[in-house]
N, C-alpha and C. Protein backbone atom coordinates (compact mmCIF):
# COMPACT_ATOMS: atom_id res chain seq x y z
N MET A 1 0.84 -1.19 0.00
CA MET A 1 0.00 0.00 0.00
C MET A 1 0.88 1.25 0.00
N ARG A 2 0.51 2.18 -0.79
CA ARG A 2 1.29 3.41 -0.94
C ARG A 2 0.85 4.44 0.10
N SER A 3 1.82 5.13 0.66
CA SER A 3 1.51 6.14 1.68
C SER A 3 1.37 7.51 1.03
N PHE A 4 0.36 8.24 1.43
CA PHE A 4 0.12 9.58 0.91
C PHE A 4 0.37 10.65 1.96
N SER A 5 1.03 10.28 3.03
CA SER A 5 1.22 11.23 4.12
C SER A 5 2.07 12.43 3.71
N PHE A 6 3.11 12.23 2.91
CA PHE A 6 3.95 13.36 2.53
C PHE A 6 3.20 14.35 1.65
N PRO A 7 2.54 13.90 0.57
CA PRO A 7 1.81 14.87 -0.24
C PRO A 7 0.73 15.61 0.54
N ILE A 8 0.05 14.91 1.42
CA ILE A 8 -0.99 15.57 2.22
C ILE A 8 -0.36 16.59 3.16
N ALA A 9 0.76 16.22 3.78
CA ALA A 9 1.44 17.16 4.68
C ALA A 9 1.92 18.38 3.91
N ALA A 10 2.45 18.17 2.71
CA ALA A 10 2.91 19.30 1.89
C ALA A 10 1.75 20.20 1.51
N PHE A 11 0.63 19.58 1.15
CA PHE A 11 -0.56 20.35 0.78
C PHE A 11 -1.04 21.18 1.96
N LEU A 12 -1.13 20.56 3.14
CA LEU A 12 -1.58 21.27 4.34
C LEU A 12 -0.64 22.40 4.70
N THR A 13 0.67 22.17 4.56
CA THR A 13 1.65 23.22 4.83
C THR A 13 1.46 24.39 3.87
N ALA A 14 1.23 24.07 2.59
CA ALA A 14 1.01 25.13 1.60
C ALA A 14 -0.24 25.92 1.92
N CYS A 15 -1.30 25.23 2.34
CA CYS A 15 -2.55 25.92 2.69
C CYS A 15 -2.35 26.86 3.87
N VAL A 16 -1.61 26.40 4.87
CA VAL A 16 -1.34 27.24 6.04
C VAL A 16 -0.50 28.43 5.63
N SER A 17 0.49 28.23 4.75
CA SER A 17 1.34 29.33 4.30
C SER A 17 0.53 30.38 3.55
N VAL A 18 -0.35 29.95 2.65
CA VAL A 18 -1.18 30.88 1.89
C VAL A 18 -2.11 31.63 2.82
N THR A 19 -2.71 30.93 3.78
CA THR A 19 -3.61 31.58 4.73
C THR A 19 -2.84 32.62 5.55
N GLY A 20 -1.62 32.30 5.94
CA GLY A 20 -0.79 33.24 6.70
C GLY A 20 -0.48 34.49 5.89
N VAL A 21 -0.16 34.32 4.61
CA VAL A 21 0.12 35.46 3.73
C VAL A 21 -1.13 36.31 3.57
N GLN A 22 -2.28 35.65 3.39
CA GLN A 22 -3.54 36.39 3.25
C GLN A 22 -3.84 37.17 4.52
N ALA A 23 -3.59 36.58 5.67
CA ALA A 23 -3.83 37.27 6.94
C ALA A 23 -2.90 38.46 7.08
N GLN A 24 -1.62 38.29 6.70
CA GLN A 24 -0.67 39.40 6.78
C GLN A 24 -1.07 40.52 5.84
N THR A 25 -1.52 40.17 4.63
CA THR A 25 -1.96 41.18 3.68
C THR A 25 -3.18 41.93 4.20
N ALA A 26 -4.14 41.21 4.76
CA ALA A 26 -5.34 41.85 5.31
C ALA A 26 -4.97 42.77 6.47
N HIS A 27 -4.03 42.33 7.31
CA HIS A 27 -3.59 43.16 8.44
C HIS A 27 -2.90 44.42 7.93
N ALA A 28 -2.06 44.28 6.92
CA ALA A 28 -1.36 45.44 6.36
C ALA A 28 -2.35 46.43 5.75
N GLN A 29 -3.38 45.91 5.08
CA GLN A 29 -4.39 46.78 4.49
C GLN A 29 -5.19 47.49 5.57
N ALA A 30 -5.49 46.78 6.65
CA ALA A 30 -6.24 47.38 7.75
C ALA A 30 -5.41 48.43 8.45
N ALA A 31 -4.09 48.25 8.50
CA ALA A 31 -3.21 49.19 9.18
C ALA A 31 -2.90 50.40 8.32
N THR A 32 -3.10 50.31 7.01
CA THR A 32 -2.82 51.41 6.11
C THR A 32 -3.99 52.39 6.13
N PRO A 33 -3.72 53.64 6.46
CA PRO A 33 -4.81 54.62 6.47
C PRO A 33 -5.44 54.77 5.08
N ARG A 34 -6.69 55.08 5.08
CA ARG A 34 -7.44 55.25 3.83
C ARG A 34 -6.97 56.50 3.08
N TYR A 35 -6.62 57.53 3.83
CA TYR A 35 -6.20 58.79 3.23
C TYR A 35 -4.85 59.23 3.79
N SER A 36 -4.18 60.09 3.04
CA SER A 36 -2.89 60.63 3.47
C SER A 36 -2.79 62.07 3.00
N THR A 37 -2.25 62.94 3.84
CA THR A 37 -2.05 64.32 3.44
C THR A 37 -0.96 64.43 2.37
N ALA A 38 -0.10 63.42 2.28
CA ALA A 38 1.00 63.46 1.32
C ALA A 38 0.61 62.98 -0.07
N THR A 39 -0.40 62.11 -0.16
CA THR A 39 -0.69 61.50 -1.47
C THR A 39 -2.13 61.62 -1.95
N THR A 40 -3.07 61.80 -1.07
CA THR A 40 -4.48 61.81 -1.49
C THR A 40 -4.87 63.18 -2.04
N PRO A 41 -5.43 63.22 -3.25
CA PRO A 41 -5.86 64.50 -3.81
C PRO A 41 -6.96 65.14 -2.95
N LEU A 42 -6.92 66.44 -2.87
CA LEU A 42 -7.90 67.18 -2.09
C LEU A 42 -9.33 66.87 -2.54
N SER A 43 -9.54 66.67 -3.83
CA SER A 43 -10.89 66.38 -4.32
C SER A 43 -11.45 65.11 -3.69
N LYS A 44 -10.61 64.10 -3.52
CA LYS A 44 -11.05 62.86 -2.89
C LYS A 44 -11.35 63.09 -1.41
N LEU A 45 -10.53 63.88 -0.75
CA LEU A 45 -10.76 64.17 0.67
C LEU A 45 -12.06 64.93 0.88
N LEU A 46 -12.31 65.91 0.01
CA LEU A 46 -13.51 66.72 0.16
C LEU A 46 -14.78 65.96 -0.18
N SER A 47 -14.65 64.87 -0.92
CA SER A 47 -15.84 64.08 -1.27
C SER A 47 -16.27 63.15 -0.13
N ASP A 48 -15.43 63.01 0.88
CA ASP A 48 -15.76 62.18 2.05
C ASP A 48 -16.07 63.12 3.21
N PRO A 49 -17.31 63.13 3.71
CA PRO A 49 -17.67 64.05 4.79
C PRO A 49 -16.79 63.92 6.03
N ALA A 50 -16.35 62.71 6.36
CA ALA A 50 -15.50 62.52 7.55
C ALA A 50 -14.14 63.17 7.33
N ALA A 51 -13.55 62.96 6.16
CA ALA A 51 -12.24 63.56 5.86
C ALA A 51 -12.36 65.08 5.79
N LYS A 52 -13.43 65.55 5.19
CA LYS A 52 -13.65 67.00 5.08
C LYS A 52 -13.76 67.63 6.48
N ALA A 53 -14.48 66.96 7.37
CA ALA A 53 -14.63 67.49 8.74
C ALA A 53 -13.28 67.51 9.47
N ILE A 54 -12.45 66.52 9.23
CA ILE A 54 -11.12 66.49 9.87
C ILE A 54 -10.28 67.66 9.37
N ILE A 55 -10.29 67.89 8.07
CA ILE A 55 -9.53 69.02 7.52
C ILE A 55 -10.03 70.33 8.11
N GLU A 56 -11.33 70.49 8.15
CA GLU A 56 -11.92 71.73 8.67
C GLU A 56 -11.60 71.91 10.15
N ALA A 57 -11.52 70.81 10.90
CA ALA A 57 -11.20 70.91 12.33
C ALA A 57 -9.77 71.38 12.57
N HIS A 58 -8.86 70.98 11.70
CA HIS A 58 -7.45 71.32 11.90
C HIS A 58 -7.01 72.56 11.12
N ILE A 59 -7.70 72.85 10.03
CA ILE A 59 -7.39 74.05 9.24
C ILE A 59 -8.72 74.76 9.00
N PRO A 60 -9.22 75.48 10.00
CA PRO A 60 -10.53 76.13 9.88
C PRO A 60 -10.63 77.03 8.64
N GLY A 61 -11.70 76.86 7.90
CA GLY A 61 -11.94 77.67 6.70
C GLY A 61 -11.35 77.09 5.43
N MET A 62 -10.49 76.11 5.55
CA MET A 62 -9.81 75.54 4.38
C MET A 62 -10.81 74.98 3.36
N THR A 63 -11.81 74.29 3.82
CA THR A 63 -12.74 73.63 2.90
C THR A 63 -13.74 74.60 2.27
N LYS A 64 -13.70 75.84 2.69
CA LYS A 64 -14.64 76.84 2.17
C LYS A 64 -13.97 77.89 1.30
N GLN A 65 -12.68 77.71 1.03
CA GLN A 65 -11.94 78.67 0.21
C GLN A 65 -12.44 78.64 -1.24
N HIS A 66 -12.57 79.81 -1.85
CA HIS A 66 -13.08 79.91 -3.22
C HIS A 66 -12.08 79.37 -4.24
N GLY A 67 -10.80 79.43 -3.97
CA GLY A 67 -9.79 79.01 -4.93
C GLY A 67 -9.48 77.52 -4.92
N LEU A 68 -10.25 76.73 -4.18
CA LEU A 68 -9.98 75.30 -4.09
C LEU A 68 -10.05 74.59 -5.43
N MET A 69 -10.83 75.10 -6.35
CA MET A 69 -10.97 74.43 -7.64
C MET A 69 -9.63 74.34 -8.37
N PHE A 70 -8.71 75.22 -8.05
CA PHE A 70 -7.41 75.22 -8.72
C PHE A 70 -6.42 74.23 -8.11
N VAL A 71 -6.71 73.73 -6.92
CA VAL A 71 -5.78 72.83 -6.24
C VAL A 71 -6.40 71.49 -5.87
N LYS A 72 -7.59 71.21 -6.36
CA LYS A 72 -8.28 69.97 -5.97
C LYS A 72 -7.53 68.70 -6.38
N GLY A 73 -6.69 68.77 -7.38
CA GLY A 73 -5.93 67.60 -7.80
C GLY A 73 -4.64 67.41 -7.03
N LYS A 74 -4.37 68.30 -6.11
CA LYS A 74 -3.12 68.25 -5.34
C LYS A 74 -3.37 67.72 -3.92
N SER A 75 -2.31 67.19 -3.33
CA SER A 75 -2.41 66.72 -1.94
C SER A 75 -2.28 67.92 -0.99
N LEU A 76 -2.69 67.71 0.24
CA LEU A 76 -2.53 68.77 1.24
C LEU A 76 -1.06 69.13 1.45
N LYS A 77 -0.18 68.15 1.35
CA LYS A 77 1.26 68.41 1.50
C LYS A 77 1.74 69.34 0.39
N THR A 78 1.28 69.12 -0.82
CA THR A 78 1.65 70.00 -1.93
C THR A 78 1.06 71.39 -1.73
N ILE A 79 -0.18 71.44 -1.30
CA ILE A 79 -0.84 72.72 -1.05
C ILE A 79 -0.12 73.47 0.07
N GLN A 80 0.39 72.75 1.06
CA GLN A 80 1.15 73.36 2.15
C GLN A 80 2.31 74.19 1.59
N GLY A 81 2.98 73.66 0.58
CA GLY A 81 4.10 74.39 -0.03
C GLY A 81 3.70 75.70 -0.68
N MET A 82 2.44 75.82 -1.05
CA MET A 82 1.93 77.04 -1.68
C MET A 82 1.28 77.98 -0.67
N SER A 83 1.15 77.51 0.58
CA SER A 83 0.35 78.26 1.55
C SER A 83 1.13 79.35 2.30
N LYS A 84 2.41 79.49 2.00
CA LYS A 84 3.25 80.52 2.64
C LYS A 84 3.16 80.46 4.16
N GLY A 85 3.23 79.24 4.70
CA GLY A 85 3.19 79.06 6.15
C GLY A 85 1.80 78.92 6.73
N GLY A 86 0.78 78.98 5.89
CA GLY A 86 -0.60 78.89 6.37
C GLY A 86 -1.00 77.49 6.82
N ILE A 87 -0.27 76.49 6.36
CA ILE A 87 -0.52 75.10 6.77
C ILE A 87 0.80 74.57 7.32
N THR A 88 0.77 74.10 8.55
CA THR A 88 2.00 73.65 9.20
C THR A 88 2.17 72.12 9.14
N ASP A 89 3.40 71.69 9.40
CA ASP A 89 3.67 70.24 9.49
C ASP A 89 2.86 69.62 10.63
N GLU A 90 2.69 70.38 11.71
CA GLU A 90 1.93 69.88 12.86
C GLU A 90 0.46 69.65 12.49
N GLN A 91 -0.10 70.56 11.72
CA GLN A 91 -1.49 70.40 11.28
C GLN A 91 -1.63 69.15 10.40
N LEU A 92 -0.69 68.97 9.48
CA LEU A 92 -0.75 67.81 8.60
C LEU A 92 -0.59 66.51 9.39
N ALA A 93 0.30 66.51 10.37
CA ALA A 93 0.49 65.31 11.21
C ALA A 93 -0.79 65.00 11.99
N ALA A 94 -1.45 66.02 12.50
CA ALA A 94 -2.70 65.82 13.24
C ALA A 94 -3.80 65.31 12.32
N ILE A 95 -3.84 65.82 11.11
CA ILE A 95 -4.83 65.37 10.13
C ILE A 95 -4.58 63.90 9.78
N ASP A 96 -3.32 63.56 9.53
CA ASP A 96 -2.99 62.16 9.22
C ASP A 96 -3.36 61.23 10.38
N ALA A 97 -3.13 61.69 11.60
CA ALA A 97 -3.49 60.87 12.77
C ALA A 97 -5.00 60.63 12.80
N ASP A 98 -5.78 61.65 12.49
CA ASP A 98 -7.24 61.48 12.45
C ASP A 98 -7.69 60.65 11.25
N PHE A 99 -7.01 60.81 10.11
CA PHE A 99 -7.34 59.98 8.94
C PHE A 99 -7.16 58.50 9.24
N ALA A 100 -6.22 58.17 10.12
CA ALA A 100 -5.96 56.75 10.46
C ALA A 100 -7.18 56.11 11.10
N ASN A 101 -8.08 56.92 11.64
CA ASN A 101 -9.28 56.38 12.30
C ASN A 101 -10.47 56.22 11.34
N ILE A 102 -10.33 56.69 10.12
CA ILE A 102 -11.40 56.54 9.12
C ILE A 102 -11.23 55.18 8.46
N ARG A 103 -12.29 54.42 8.42
CA ARG A 103 -12.24 53.09 7.74
C ARG A 103 -13.34 52.98 6.75
């Protein structure tokens, strides 16, 4: 009689390995914030009421500026460079910390 213990053990090991990779990937995705001040375009942030409220809480009046149409494709970090000190690194860090809580 032929033994199938090795192929079955190899198969089970492969299944456990794949499941572990899937779990790590899911954990990494869960740990990655949905938005970032460095990469997410302002238009995407403003389309989410939670993100918009966070921006408004840390940079009062920002979401109501008339000239936003000209910078909607840019990230807040890029806009910071044009703000002549109007947006600080501390504000962006606080916004990113709050963005981490949006799922």
